[in-house]
Amino acid sequence: MHRLKEISSKEWFISLVIATALFLMMGTLTALWNNPYFIRMTPVTDWDFVILSLESLLIGFFFGIQAPHCAVKKAGFGGIFGFLGFGCSLCNKLLLLVFGSGFLLTYFEPIRYYVGAAGILIFSFALYQKMAAPLLNQVNIKTEA
């Protein structure tokens, strides 16, 4: 909590701008709302919006808050899993090419929200590592000789 007090209003603003832009871009890309560019082949549920909202906020804070330490690999995996959690399984051409529509609808679609939740947890841990590192580095241990 101490690190949250150190975040400047500029960093909060940048984080919210990034989160909002990501929410709009990714929601349009995955056709969570009707748009003339993309058509979704699986139904949209409330969980899609929850996962998209949380992923957008986490990504916004991760890139908006300046810190000397960064957990890029964890953030990358969290972002990918989160995207798979709210994205349309059949619209993802890479998944469709590798696994086929039968596999995706039978095996992946039922666990899609769990994959999204795992992405949120991984990304949350990456954000925690990024924000906690400056506090851990500030610890000064004084010894007497």
Protein backbone atom coordinates (compact mmCIF):
# COMPACT_ATOMS: atom_id res chain seq x y z
CA MET A 1 0.00 0.00 0.00
CA HIS A 2 2.90 2.34 0.68
CA ARG A 3 3.95 2.23 -2.99
CA LEU A 4 0.45 3.29 -4.10
CA LYS A 5 0.87 6.55 -2.17
CA GLU A 6 4.07 7.30 -4.09
CA ILE A 7 2.39 7.11 -7.51
CA SER A 8 2.09 10.58 -9.01
CA SER A 9 -1.10 11.96 -10.50
CA LYS A 10 0.64 11.99 -13.89
CA GLU A 11 1.28 8.23 -13.62
CA TRP A 12 -2.35 7.62 -12.59
CA PHE A 13 -3.54 9.64 -15.57
CA ILE A 14 -1.24 7.85 -18.03
CA SER A 15 -2.31 4.48 -16.62
CA LEU A 16 -6.00 5.30 -17.04
CA VAL A 17 -5.48 6.59 -20.59
CA ILE A 18 -3.64 3.39 -21.53
CA ALA A 19 -6.30 1.23 -19.84
CA THR A 20 -9.15 3.06 -21.60
CA ALA A 21 -7.46 2.86 -24.99
CA LEU A 22 -6.78 -0.85 -24.51
CA PHE A 23 -10.34 -1.52 -23.38
CA LEU A 24 -11.78 0.16 -26.47
CA MET A 25 -9.24 -1.34 -28.88
CA MET A 26 -9.37 -4.91 -27.58
CA GLY A 27 -13.14 -4.87 -27.11
CA THR A 28 -13.57 -3.76 -30.72
CA LEU A 29 -10.97 -6.24 -31.97
CA THR A 30 -12.67 -9.16 -30.24
CA ALA A 31 -16.16 -7.85 -31.19
CA LEU A 32 -17.50 -7.64 -27.65
CA TRP A 33 -19.83 -4.98 -29.03
CA ASN A 34 -21.24 -4.67 -32.53
CA ASN A 35 -18.90 -2.94 -34.91
CA PRO A 36 -18.51 -2.84 -38.69
CA TYR A 37 -14.99 -4.30 -38.63
CA PHE A 38 -15.26 -7.62 -36.80
CA ILE A 39 -17.91 -10.29 -36.22
CA ARG A 40 -17.82 -12.59 -33.21
CA MET A 41 -18.70 -16.25 -33.72
CA THR A 42 -19.28 -17.17 -30.06
CA PRO A 43 -21.74 -15.45 -27.71
CA VAL A 44 -20.56 -12.61 -25.48
CA THR A 45 -21.05 -13.02 -21.73
CA ASP A 46 -20.54 -10.74 -18.74
CA TRP A 47 -17.31 -12.61 -17.92
CA ASP A 48 -15.81 -11.39 -21.19
CA PHE A 49 -16.28 -7.81 -20.03
CA VAL A 50 -14.95 -8.57 -16.54
CA ILE A 51 -11.77 -10.17 -17.90
CA LEU A 52 -11.30 -7.40 -20.49
CA SER A 53 -11.77 -4.69 -17.84
CA LEU A 54 -9.32 -6.24 -15.38
CA GLU A 55 -6.73 -6.97 -18.08
CA SER A 56 -7.01 -3.40 -19.39
CA LEU A 57 -6.53 -1.92 -15.92
CA LEU A 58 -3.57 -4.17 -15.13
CA ILE A 59 -1.87 -3.43 -18.45
CA GLY A 60 -2.55 0.30 -18.01
CA PHE A 61 -0.97 0.32 -14.54
CA PHE A 62 1.93 -1.87 -15.66
CA PHE A 63 2.92 0.50 -18.46
CA GLY A 64 1.81 3.76 -16.83
CA ILE A 65 3.67 3.45 -13.54
CA GLN A 66 7.40 4.04 -13.67
CA ALA A 67 9.54 1.59 -11.72
CA PRO A 68 13.13 0.45 -12.03
CA HIS A 69 12.19 -3.24 -11.99
CA CYS A 70 10.03 -4.93 -14.55
CA ALA A 71 8.59 -8.45 -14.88
CA VAL A 72 8.13 -8.46 -18.64
CA LYS A 73 7.90 -12.23 -19.16
CA LYS A 74 5.19 -12.66 -16.55
CA ALA A 75 3.33 -9.66 -17.92
CA GLY A 76 3.54 -11.12 -21.43
CA PHE A 77 2.14 -14.49 -20.36
CA GLY A 78 -0.57 -12.76 -18.32
CA GLY A 79 -1.54 -10.62 -21.29
CA ILE A 80 -1.72 -13.60 -23.65
CA PHE A 81 -3.78 -15.70 -21.24
CA GLY A 82 -6.05 -12.74 -20.54
CA PHE A 83 -6.59 -12.16 -24.26
CA LEU A 84 -7.45 -15.82 -24.73
CA GLY A 85 -9.92 -15.47 -21.84
CA PHE A 86 -12.07 -12.76 -23.39
CA GLY A 87 -11.35 -13.33 -27.08
CA CYS A 88 -13.50 -15.42 -29.37
CA SER A 89 -12.04 -18.92 -29.62
CA LEU A 90 -13.13 -19.41 -33.22
CA CYS A 91 -12.02 -15.95 -34.32
CA ASN A 92 -8.45 -16.56 -33.17
CA LYS A 93 -6.93 -17.79 -36.43
CA LEU A 94 -3.78 -19.15 -34.78
CA LEU A 95 -5.73 -21.30 -32.30
CA LEU A 96 -8.07 -22.39 -35.07
CA LEU A 97 -5.17 -23.38 -37.33
CA VAL A 98 -3.31 -25.30 -34.61
CA PHE A 99 -6.22 -27.03 -32.86
CA GLY A 100 -9.24 -26.92 -35.18
CA SER A 101 -12.77 -25.77 -34.43
CA GLY A 102 -13.92 -29.09 -32.95
CA PHE A 103 -11.18 -29.10 -30.32
CA LEU A 104 -11.68 -25.42 -29.49
CA LEU A 105 -15.44 -25.71 -28.98
CA THR A 106 -15.23 -29.02 -27.12
CA TYR A 107 -12.21 -28.49 -24.87
CA PHE A 108 -11.06 -24.87 -24.84
CA GLU A 109 -14.36 -22.97 -24.75
CA PRO A 110 -15.44 -24.51 -21.38
CA ILE A 111 -12.15 -23.49 -19.71
CA ARG A 112 -11.69 -20.17 -21.51
CA TYR A 113 -12.68 -18.09 -18.47
CA TYR A 114 -10.29 -20.01 -16.25
CA VAL A 115 -7.49 -19.24 -18.71
CA GLY A 116 -8.50 -15.56 -18.50
CA ALA A 117 -8.50 -15.72 -14.69
CA ALA A 118 -5.03 -17.29 -14.77
CA GLY A 119 -3.90 -14.44 -17.02
CA ILE A 120 -5.22 -11.89 -14.55
CA LEU A 121 -3.41 -13.61 -11.67
CA ILE A 122 -0.13 -13.84 -13.58
CA PHE A 123 -0.35 -10.20 -14.67
CA SER A 124 -1.26 -9.13 -11.12
CA PHE A 125 1.85 -10.89 -9.83
CA ALA A 126 3.99 -9.17 -12.48
CA LEU A 127 2.54 -5.78 -11.48
CA TYR A 128 3.13 -6.58 -7.81
CA GLN A 129 6.76 -7.48 -8.54
CA LYS A 130 7.24 -4.27 -10.49
CA MET A 131 5.75 -2.11 -7.74
CA ALA A 132 7.28 -3.94 -4.76
CA ALA A 133 10.85 -3.94 -6.09
CA PRO A 134 11.57 -0.27 -5.23
CA LEU A 135 10.39 -0.87 -1.67
CA LEU A 136 12.58 -3.93 -1.29
CA ASN A 137 15.59 -2.05 -2.66
CA GLN A 138 15.13 0.80 -0.16
CA VAL A 139 15.79 -1.41 2.86
CA ASN A 140 19.03 -0.28 4.46
CA ILE A 141 20.63 -2.64 6.91
CA LYS A 142 23.19 -0.96 9.11
CA THR A 143 25.78 -2.99 10.84
CA GLU A 144 28.33 -1.88 13.36
CA ALA A 145 31.92 -2.94 13.05
